[in-house]
N, C-alpha and C. Protein backbone atom coordinates (compact mmCIF):
# COMPACT_ATOMS: atom_id res chain seq x y z
N MET A 1 -165.74 20.80 29.86
CA MET A 1 -165.96 22.23 29.98
C MET A 1 -164.63 22.89 30.30
N THR A 2 -164.31 23.97 29.66
CA THR A 2 -163.09 24.72 29.95
C THR A 2 -163.50 26.02 30.60
N ASN A 3 -162.95 26.28 31.80
CA ASN A 3 -163.36 27.50 32.47
C ASN A 3 -162.54 28.67 31.97
N ALA A 4 -163.14 29.84 32.11
CA ALA A 4 -162.45 31.07 31.72
C ALA A 4 -161.58 31.51 32.88
N ALA A 5 -160.48 32.17 32.58
CA ALA A 5 -159.58 32.64 33.62
C ALA A 5 -160.24 33.74 34.45
N THR A 6 -161.12 34.50 33.85
CA THR A 6 -161.78 35.59 34.53
C THR A 6 -163.28 35.35 34.50
N PRO A 7 -163.95 35.44 35.66
CA PRO A 7 -165.39 35.24 35.67
C PRO A 7 -166.09 36.35 34.91
N THR A 8 -167.29 36.05 34.45
CA THR A 8 -168.11 37.05 33.78
C THR A 8 -168.75 37.92 34.85
N THR A 9 -168.53 39.21 34.77
CA THR A 9 -169.13 40.12 35.75
C THR A 9 -169.92 41.18 35.01
N THR A 10 -170.86 41.75 35.73
CA THR A 10 -171.65 42.79 35.12
C THR A 10 -170.84 44.08 35.04
N ALA A 11 -171.04 44.84 33.98
CA ALA A 11 -170.40 46.14 33.86
C ALA A 11 -171.06 47.09 34.86
N ARG A 12 -170.45 48.21 35.11
CA ARG A 12 -170.99 49.14 36.09
C ARG A 12 -172.15 49.93 35.50
N PRO A 13 -173.37 49.47 35.69
CA PRO A 13 -174.53 50.20 35.20
C PRO A 13 -174.90 51.31 36.18
N GLN A 14 -175.65 52.24 35.75
CA GLN A 14 -176.13 53.30 36.64
C GLN A 14 -177.50 52.91 37.17
N THR A 15 -177.56 51.74 37.79
CA THR A 15 -178.79 51.24 38.40
C THR A 15 -178.46 50.82 39.82
N ALA A 16 -179.46 50.36 40.53
CA ALA A 16 -179.27 49.90 41.91
C ALA A 16 -179.02 48.39 41.94
N LYS A 17 -178.64 47.80 40.82
CA LYS A 17 -178.45 46.36 40.74
C LYS A 17 -177.23 45.93 41.56
N ASP A 18 -177.41 44.83 42.29
CA ASP A 18 -176.32 44.27 43.09
C ASP A 18 -175.22 43.72 42.19
N PHE A 19 -173.99 43.67 42.72
CA PHE A 19 -172.88 43.06 42.00
C PHE A 19 -173.19 41.58 41.80
N GLU A 20 -173.02 41.10 40.57
CA GLU A 20 -173.27 39.71 40.23
C GLU A 20 -172.15 39.19 39.35
N SER A 21 -171.95 37.89 39.40
CA SER A 21 -170.97 37.23 38.55
C SER A 21 -171.40 35.79 38.36
N VAL A 22 -171.06 35.22 37.21
CA VAL A 22 -171.31 33.81 36.94
C VAL A 22 -169.95 33.15 36.74
N LEU A 23 -169.72 32.06 37.48
CA LEU A 23 -168.45 31.35 37.45
C LEU A 23 -168.67 29.95 36.91
N ASP A 24 -167.79 29.49 36.04
CA ASP A 24 -167.83 28.13 35.53
C ASP A 24 -166.61 27.38 36.02
N PHE A 25 -166.84 26.20 36.56
CA PHE A 25 -165.79 25.34 37.10
C PHE A 25 -165.77 24.03 36.34
N ASP A 26 -164.60 23.44 36.18
CA ASP A 26 -164.47 22.09 35.66
C ASP A 26 -164.80 21.07 36.74
N SER A 27 -164.66 21.46 37.99
CA SER A 27 -164.84 20.58 39.15
C SER A 27 -166.32 20.40 39.49
N PRO A 28 -166.65 19.32 40.21
CA PRO A 28 -168.04 19.08 40.60
C PRO A 28 -168.50 20.02 41.72
N PRO A 29 -169.81 20.16 41.90
CA PRO A 29 -170.34 21.05 42.94
C PRO A 29 -169.78 20.78 44.34
N GLU A 30 -169.54 19.52 44.67
CA GLU A 30 -169.02 19.18 46.00
C GLU A 30 -167.68 19.86 46.28
N SER A 31 -166.84 19.97 45.27
CA SER A 31 -165.54 20.62 45.43
C SER A 31 -165.70 22.13 45.63
N VAL A 32 -166.64 22.71 44.90
CA VAL A 32 -166.89 24.15 45.04
C VAL A 32 -167.45 24.44 46.43
N LEU A 33 -168.44 23.66 46.84
CA LEU A 33 -169.04 23.87 48.16
C LEU A 33 -168.01 23.70 49.27
N ALA A 34 -167.10 22.75 49.13
CA ALA A 34 -166.05 22.55 50.13
C ALA A 34 -165.17 23.80 50.24
N ALA A 35 -164.90 24.46 49.13
CA ALA A 35 -164.06 25.66 49.12
C ALA A 35 -164.77 26.86 49.75
N LEU A 36 -166.09 26.77 49.93
CA LEU A 36 -166.88 27.85 50.52
C LEU A 36 -167.27 27.57 51.96
N ARG A 37 -167.01 26.35 52.43
CA ARG A 37 -167.47 25.94 53.76
C ARG A 37 -166.35 25.52 54.70
N ASP A 38 -165.11 25.77 54.34
CA ASP A 38 -163.97 25.37 55.13
C ASP A 38 -163.02 26.56 55.29
N ALA A 39 -162.64 26.87 56.52
CA ALA A 39 -161.79 28.04 56.77
C ALA A 39 -160.46 27.97 56.03
N GLU A 40 -159.82 26.81 56.04
CA GLU A 40 -158.54 26.67 55.35
C GLU A 40 -158.70 26.87 53.84
N ALA A 41 -159.79 26.36 53.29
CA ALA A 41 -160.04 26.53 51.85
C ALA A 41 -160.30 28.00 51.52
N ILE A 42 -161.11 28.69 52.33
CA ILE A 42 -161.38 30.11 52.07
C ILE A 42 -160.08 30.91 52.12
N ALA A 43 -159.19 30.55 53.06
CA ALA A 43 -157.89 31.21 53.13
C ALA A 43 -157.06 30.93 51.88
N GLY A 44 -157.33 29.82 51.20
CA GLY A 44 -156.60 29.46 50.00
C GLY A 44 -157.00 30.22 48.75
N TRP A 45 -158.16 30.89 48.80
CA TRP A 45 -158.56 31.68 47.62
C TRP A 45 -158.92 33.13 47.93
N TRP A 46 -159.16 33.46 49.24
CA TRP A 46 -159.61 34.82 49.55
C TRP A 46 -158.67 35.51 50.51
N GLY A 47 -158.62 35.11 51.76
CA GLY A 47 -157.77 35.76 52.74
C GLY A 47 -157.74 34.98 54.04
N VAL A 48 -156.89 35.41 54.97
CA VAL A 48 -156.73 34.74 56.26
C VAL A 48 -158.10 34.61 56.92
N THR A 49 -158.46 33.39 57.28
CA THR A 49 -159.80 33.12 57.79
C THR A 49 -159.72 32.62 59.23
N ASN A 50 -160.55 33.22 60.08
CA ASN A 50 -160.66 32.81 61.48
C ASN A 50 -162.10 32.46 61.78
N GLY A 51 -162.31 31.43 62.59
CA GLY A 51 -163.66 31.00 62.93
C GLY A 51 -164.08 29.86 62.03
N SER A 52 -165.35 29.53 62.13
CA SER A 52 -165.88 28.38 61.42
C SER A 52 -166.99 28.81 60.46
N PRO A 53 -166.77 28.68 59.14
CA PRO A 53 -167.80 29.07 58.17
C PRO A 53 -168.87 27.99 57.99
N THR A 54 -169.50 27.59 59.10
CA THR A 54 -170.58 26.61 59.06
C THR A 54 -171.89 27.30 59.43
N ASP A 55 -173.02 26.68 59.10
CA ASP A 55 -174.34 27.29 59.32
C ASP A 55 -174.48 27.90 60.71
N GLY A 56 -174.84 29.19 60.73
CA GLY A 56 -175.09 29.91 61.97
C GLY A 56 -173.86 30.41 62.69
N ALA A 57 -172.68 30.02 62.26
CA ALA A 57 -171.44 30.40 62.94
C ALA A 57 -170.88 31.71 62.40
N ALA A 58 -170.06 32.35 63.22
CA ALA A 58 -169.37 33.58 62.83
C ALA A 58 -167.95 33.24 62.38
N PHE A 59 -167.49 33.96 61.38
CA PHE A 59 -166.10 33.84 60.95
C PHE A 59 -165.67 35.17 60.36
N SER A 60 -164.36 35.32 60.16
CA SER A 60 -163.86 36.55 59.58
C SER A 60 -162.79 36.22 58.54
N VAL A 61 -162.66 37.14 57.59
CA VAL A 61 -161.61 37.06 56.58
C VAL A 61 -160.83 38.35 56.69
N GLY A 62 -159.50 38.23 56.82
CA GLY A 62 -158.66 39.39 57.04
C GLY A 62 -157.72 39.68 55.90
N PHE A 63 -157.40 40.97 55.78
CA PHE A 63 -156.54 41.46 54.72
C PHE A 63 -155.48 42.41 55.27
N GLY A 64 -155.06 42.19 56.52
CA GLY A 64 -154.05 43.02 57.15
C GLY A 64 -154.65 44.23 57.84
N GLY A 65 -154.08 44.61 58.97
CA GLY A 65 -154.55 45.78 59.72
C GLY A 65 -156.02 45.67 60.07
N ASN A 66 -156.76 46.77 59.88
CA ASN A 66 -158.20 46.77 60.19
C ASN A 66 -159.04 46.29 59.02
N ARG A 67 -158.40 45.77 58.01
CA ARG A 67 -159.13 45.31 56.82
C ARG A 67 -159.59 43.87 57.04
N GLN A 68 -160.63 43.77 57.83
CA GLN A 68 -161.21 42.47 58.16
C GLN A 68 -162.70 42.53 57.88
N ILE A 69 -163.26 41.41 57.47
CA ILE A 69 -164.69 41.31 57.24
C ILE A 69 -165.23 40.27 58.21
N ASP A 70 -166.15 40.69 59.08
CA ASP A 70 -166.78 39.79 60.04
C ASP A 70 -168.14 39.37 59.48
N MET A 71 -168.36 38.06 59.42
CA MET A 71 -169.58 37.54 58.81
C MET A 71 -170.20 36.45 59.66
N VAL A 72 -171.48 36.19 59.40
CA VAL A 72 -172.20 35.07 59.98
C VAL A 72 -172.75 34.26 58.81
N VAL A 73 -172.63 32.95 58.91
CA VAL A 73 -173.10 32.07 57.84
C VAL A 73 -174.60 31.87 58.01
N GLY A 74 -175.36 32.20 56.97
CA GLY A 74 -176.80 31.97 56.98
C GLY A 74 -177.11 30.53 56.61
N ALA A 75 -178.21 30.02 57.11
CA ALA A 75 -178.66 28.67 56.75
C ALA A 75 -179.34 28.77 55.39
N ALA A 76 -178.60 28.44 54.35
CA ALA A 76 -179.08 28.71 53.01
C ALA A 76 -179.48 27.47 52.21
N GLY A 77 -179.07 26.30 52.59
CA GLY A 77 -179.43 25.10 51.85
C GLY A 77 -178.23 24.36 51.32
N PRO A 78 -178.46 23.15 50.79
CA PRO A 78 -177.35 22.30 50.37
C PRO A 78 -176.57 22.81 49.16
N GLN A 79 -177.17 23.61 48.31
CA GLN A 79 -176.49 24.09 47.10
C GLN A 79 -176.30 25.61 47.13
N ARG A 80 -176.43 26.20 48.29
CA ARG A 80 -176.34 27.65 48.43
C ARG A 80 -175.53 27.97 49.68
N VAL A 81 -174.62 28.92 49.55
CA VAL A 81 -173.84 29.42 50.67
C VAL A 81 -174.16 30.90 50.80
N GLU A 82 -174.45 31.32 52.02
CA GLU A 82 -174.82 32.71 52.26
C GLU A 82 -174.07 33.24 53.46
N TRP A 83 -173.38 34.37 53.27
CA TRP A 83 -172.63 35.02 54.34
C TRP A 83 -173.21 36.41 54.56
N GLN A 84 -173.61 36.69 55.79
CA GLN A 84 -174.15 38.00 56.14
C GLN A 84 -173.03 38.82 56.78
N VAL A 85 -172.73 39.95 56.17
CA VAL A 85 -171.64 40.80 56.67
C VAL A 85 -172.12 41.57 57.89
N GLU A 86 -171.43 41.33 59.00
CA GLU A 86 -171.74 42.02 60.26
C GLU A 86 -170.97 43.33 60.35
N ALA A 87 -169.68 43.30 60.00
CA ALA A 87 -168.84 44.49 60.09
C ALA A 87 -167.67 44.36 59.12
N ALA A 88 -167.34 45.48 58.49
CA ALA A 88 -166.20 45.56 57.58
C ALA A 88 -165.60 46.95 57.73
N PRO A 89 -164.73 47.16 58.74
CA PRO A 89 -164.21 48.50 59.01
C PRO A 89 -163.56 49.20 57.82
N PHE A 90 -162.86 48.45 56.96
CA PHE A 90 -162.21 49.08 55.80
C PHE A 90 -163.22 49.47 54.73
N THR A 91 -164.30 48.72 54.63
CA THR A 91 -165.38 49.01 53.67
C THR A 91 -166.71 48.99 54.42
N PRO A 92 -166.98 50.02 55.25
CA PRO A 92 -168.19 50.01 56.08
C PRO A 92 -169.49 49.94 55.27
N GLU A 93 -169.42 50.24 53.98
CA GLU A 93 -170.62 50.12 53.15
C GLU A 93 -171.06 48.66 53.01
N TRP A 94 -170.17 47.72 53.35
CA TRP A 94 -170.52 46.30 53.32
C TRP A 94 -171.36 45.89 54.51
N ASP A 95 -171.31 46.65 55.61
CA ASP A 95 -172.06 46.28 56.82
C ASP A 95 -173.53 46.06 56.46
N GLY A 96 -174.06 44.90 56.83
CA GLY A 96 -175.46 44.59 56.56
C GLY A 96 -175.72 44.00 55.18
N THR A 97 -174.69 43.84 54.36
CA THR A 97 -174.88 43.24 53.04
C THR A 97 -174.80 41.71 53.15
N THR A 98 -175.16 41.03 52.08
CA THR A 98 -175.16 39.57 52.08
C THR A 98 -174.46 39.06 50.83
N ILE A 99 -173.56 38.09 51.03
CA ILE A 99 -172.80 37.48 49.95
C ILE A 99 -173.41 36.10 49.70
N VAL A 100 -173.79 35.84 48.44
CA VAL A 100 -174.51 34.61 48.12
C VAL A 100 -173.82 33.86 46.98
N PHE A 101 -173.62 32.56 47.17
CA PHE A 101 -173.11 31.66 46.15
C PHE A 101 -174.19 30.60 45.90
N GLU A 102 -174.75 30.55 44.69
CA GLU A 102 -175.71 29.52 44.32
C GLU A 102 -174.99 28.55 43.39
N VAL A 103 -174.89 27.30 43.81
CA VAL A 103 -174.06 26.29 43.16
C VAL A 103 -174.95 25.28 42.45
N GLU A 104 -174.66 25.03 41.16
CA GLU A 104 -175.44 24.02 40.45
C GLU A 104 -174.56 23.24 39.48
N ARG A 105 -174.87 21.98 39.33
CA ARG A 105 -174.14 21.13 38.40
C ARG A 105 -174.38 21.63 36.98
N ALA A 106 -173.32 21.60 36.17
CA ALA A 106 -173.39 21.99 34.76
C ALA A 106 -172.57 20.96 33.98
N GLY A 107 -173.24 19.93 33.49
CA GLY A 107 -172.52 18.86 32.81
C GLY A 107 -171.60 18.15 33.80
N GLU A 108 -170.32 18.06 33.47
CA GLU A 108 -169.33 17.44 34.37
C GLU A 108 -168.82 18.43 35.42
N GLY A 109 -169.14 19.70 35.24
CA GLY A 109 -168.61 20.74 36.13
C GLY A 109 -169.70 21.41 36.94
N THR A 110 -169.47 22.69 37.20
CA THR A 110 -170.33 23.46 38.08
C THR A 110 -170.45 24.89 37.57
N THR A 111 -171.64 25.46 37.75
CA THR A 111 -171.85 26.89 37.55
C THR A 111 -172.23 27.49 38.89
N VAL A 112 -171.62 28.62 39.22
CA VAL A 112 -171.95 29.34 40.44
C VAL A 112 -172.47 30.71 40.05
N ARG A 113 -173.63 31.04 40.59
CA ARG A 113 -174.17 32.38 40.44
C ARG A 113 -173.86 33.10 41.74
N PHE A 114 -173.02 34.13 41.63
CA PHE A 114 -172.57 34.89 42.78
C PHE A 114 -173.29 36.22 42.81
N ARG A 115 -173.74 36.62 43.99
CA ARG A 115 -174.33 37.96 44.16
C ARG A 115 -173.86 38.52 45.50
N HIS A 116 -173.53 39.79 45.48
CA HIS A 116 -173.26 40.51 46.72
C HIS A 116 -174.40 41.49 46.88
N LEU A 117 -175.41 41.06 47.65
CA LEU A 117 -176.63 41.86 47.83
C LEU A 117 -176.33 43.11 48.66
N GLY A 118 -176.61 44.25 48.09
CA GLY A 118 -176.33 45.52 48.75
C GLY A 118 -175.10 46.22 48.22
N LEU A 119 -174.28 45.52 47.44
CA LEU A 119 -173.11 46.13 46.80
C LEU A 119 -173.56 46.62 45.43
N THR A 120 -173.91 47.90 45.36
CA THR A 120 -174.45 48.48 44.14
C THR A 120 -173.55 49.59 43.62
N PRO A 121 -173.71 49.95 42.35
CA PRO A 121 -172.87 50.99 41.75
C PRO A 121 -172.95 52.35 42.45
N GLN A 122 -173.98 52.60 43.24
CA GLN A 122 -174.11 53.88 43.93
C GLN A 122 -173.15 54.02 45.11
N LEU A 123 -172.59 52.91 45.59
CA LEU A 123 -171.68 52.97 46.73
C LEU A 123 -170.31 53.49 46.31
N ASP A 124 -169.68 54.28 47.18
CA ASP A 124 -168.36 54.84 46.88
C ASP A 124 -167.32 53.73 46.66
N CYS A 125 -167.47 52.60 47.34
CA CYS A 125 -166.49 51.53 47.23
C CYS A 125 -166.71 50.61 46.03
N PHE A 126 -167.73 50.86 45.23
CA PHE A 126 -168.11 49.89 44.19
C PHE A 126 -166.97 49.55 43.24
N ASP A 127 -166.26 50.53 42.71
CA ASP A 127 -165.20 50.23 41.74
C ASP A 127 -164.10 49.38 42.37
N MET A 128 -163.67 49.74 43.58
CA MET A 128 -162.65 48.96 44.28
C MET A 128 -163.17 47.55 44.57
N CYS A 129 -164.42 47.44 45.01
CA CYS A 129 -164.99 46.14 45.35
C CYS A 129 -165.23 45.29 44.10
N HIS A 130 -165.63 45.92 43.01
CA HIS A 130 -165.80 45.21 41.74
C HIS A 130 -164.48 44.58 41.33
N ALA A 131 -163.41 45.37 41.39
CA ALA A 131 -162.09 44.84 41.03
C ALA A 131 -161.67 43.74 42.00
N GLY A 132 -161.92 43.95 43.28
CA GLY A 132 -161.57 42.94 44.28
C GLY A 132 -162.32 41.64 44.08
N TRP A 133 -163.64 41.72 43.94
CA TRP A 133 -164.42 40.50 43.72
C TRP A 133 -164.02 39.82 42.42
N THR A 134 -163.77 40.56 41.37
CA THR A 134 -163.37 39.95 40.10
C THR A 134 -162.08 39.14 40.31
N HIS A 135 -161.13 39.70 41.04
CA HIS A 135 -159.89 38.97 41.33
C HIS A 135 -160.15 37.73 42.19
N TYR A 136 -160.87 37.90 43.30
CA TYR A 136 -161.04 36.79 44.24
C TYR A 136 -161.96 35.70 43.71
N LEU A 137 -162.91 36.05 42.86
CA LEU A 137 -163.75 34.99 42.26
C LEU A 137 -162.93 34.18 41.26
N ALA A 138 -162.06 34.83 40.51
CA ALA A 138 -161.15 34.09 39.62
C ALA A 138 -160.21 33.22 40.47
N SER A 139 -159.81 33.73 41.63
CA SER A 139 -158.98 32.97 42.55
C SER A 139 -159.71 31.73 43.05
N LEU A 140 -161.01 31.87 43.32
CA LEU A 140 -161.82 30.73 43.74
C LEU A 140 -161.82 29.65 42.67
N VAL A 141 -162.02 30.03 41.42
CA VAL A 141 -162.00 29.06 40.32
C VAL A 141 -160.64 28.39 40.24
N GLY A 142 -159.58 29.16 40.32
CA GLY A 142 -158.23 28.60 40.27
C GLY A 142 -157.96 27.66 41.43
N TYR A 143 -158.44 28.02 42.61
CA TYR A 143 -158.23 27.19 43.80
C TYR A 143 -158.96 25.86 43.64
N VAL A 144 -160.21 25.90 43.22
CA VAL A 144 -161.00 24.67 43.11
C VAL A 144 -160.52 23.80 41.97
N ASP A 145 -160.31 24.39 40.80
CA ASP A 145 -159.98 23.59 39.61
C ASP A 145 -158.52 23.18 39.50
N ARG A 146 -157.60 24.00 40.04
CA ARG A 146 -156.18 23.71 39.86
C ARG A 146 -155.37 23.70 41.16
N GLY A 147 -156.03 24.00 42.28
CA GLY A 147 -155.32 24.07 43.55
C GLY A 147 -154.40 25.28 43.62
N GLU A 148 -154.71 26.32 42.82
CA GLU A 148 -153.84 27.50 42.72
C GLU A 148 -154.64 28.78 42.88
N GLY A 149 -155.10 29.06 44.10
CA GLY A 149 -155.79 30.32 44.36
C GLY A 149 -154.80 31.45 44.47
N GLN A 150 -155.31 32.67 44.41
CA GLN A 150 -154.50 33.87 44.59
C GLN A 150 -155.10 34.70 45.71
N PRO A 151 -155.00 34.19 46.95
CA PRO A 151 -155.57 34.92 48.09
C PRO A 151 -154.76 36.15 48.42
N TYR A 152 -155.31 36.96 49.33
CA TYR A 152 -154.59 38.13 49.81
C TYR A 152 -153.23 37.71 50.34
N ALA A 153 -152.18 38.36 49.90
CA ALA A 153 -150.82 37.96 50.25
C ALA A 153 -150.13 38.94 51.19
N GLY A 154 -150.82 39.96 51.64
CA GLY A 154 -150.21 40.93 52.55
C GLY A 154 -149.88 42.23 51.85
N ASP A 155 -149.54 43.21 52.67
CA ASP A 155 -149.24 44.55 52.13
C ASP A 155 -147.91 44.61 51.45
């Protein structure tokens, strides 16, 4: 399987549909899950990570200044990772939303169905967040498959 450089994302419809994306990886599900459950790995594809992204624990991902996302890991199951956003001062519309990664084997690789529940086109931040997630999800694929993520690098 050859993965695409950019994940498939939904276009901005005028509906209340949550942001979704489907990611294809050459790597096995265990590698993808490891990149979603380890602070150092999350920092390798998304941003500076503090805390422990394990079931029931709190952790944060930072992007400089007050641009931090505080989350709690939901108990979602062996093939699912769920992060509940507690606070996001730079994007307060994220407060109370849920980030979900559903991981499944696809041949020799993996398919991930990503959803950010509550991130809908009606939110003022949607265009910025759509662009951000599109970048960081491609970074996740690059990190897992090639060891080359493109996390937040600072201002």
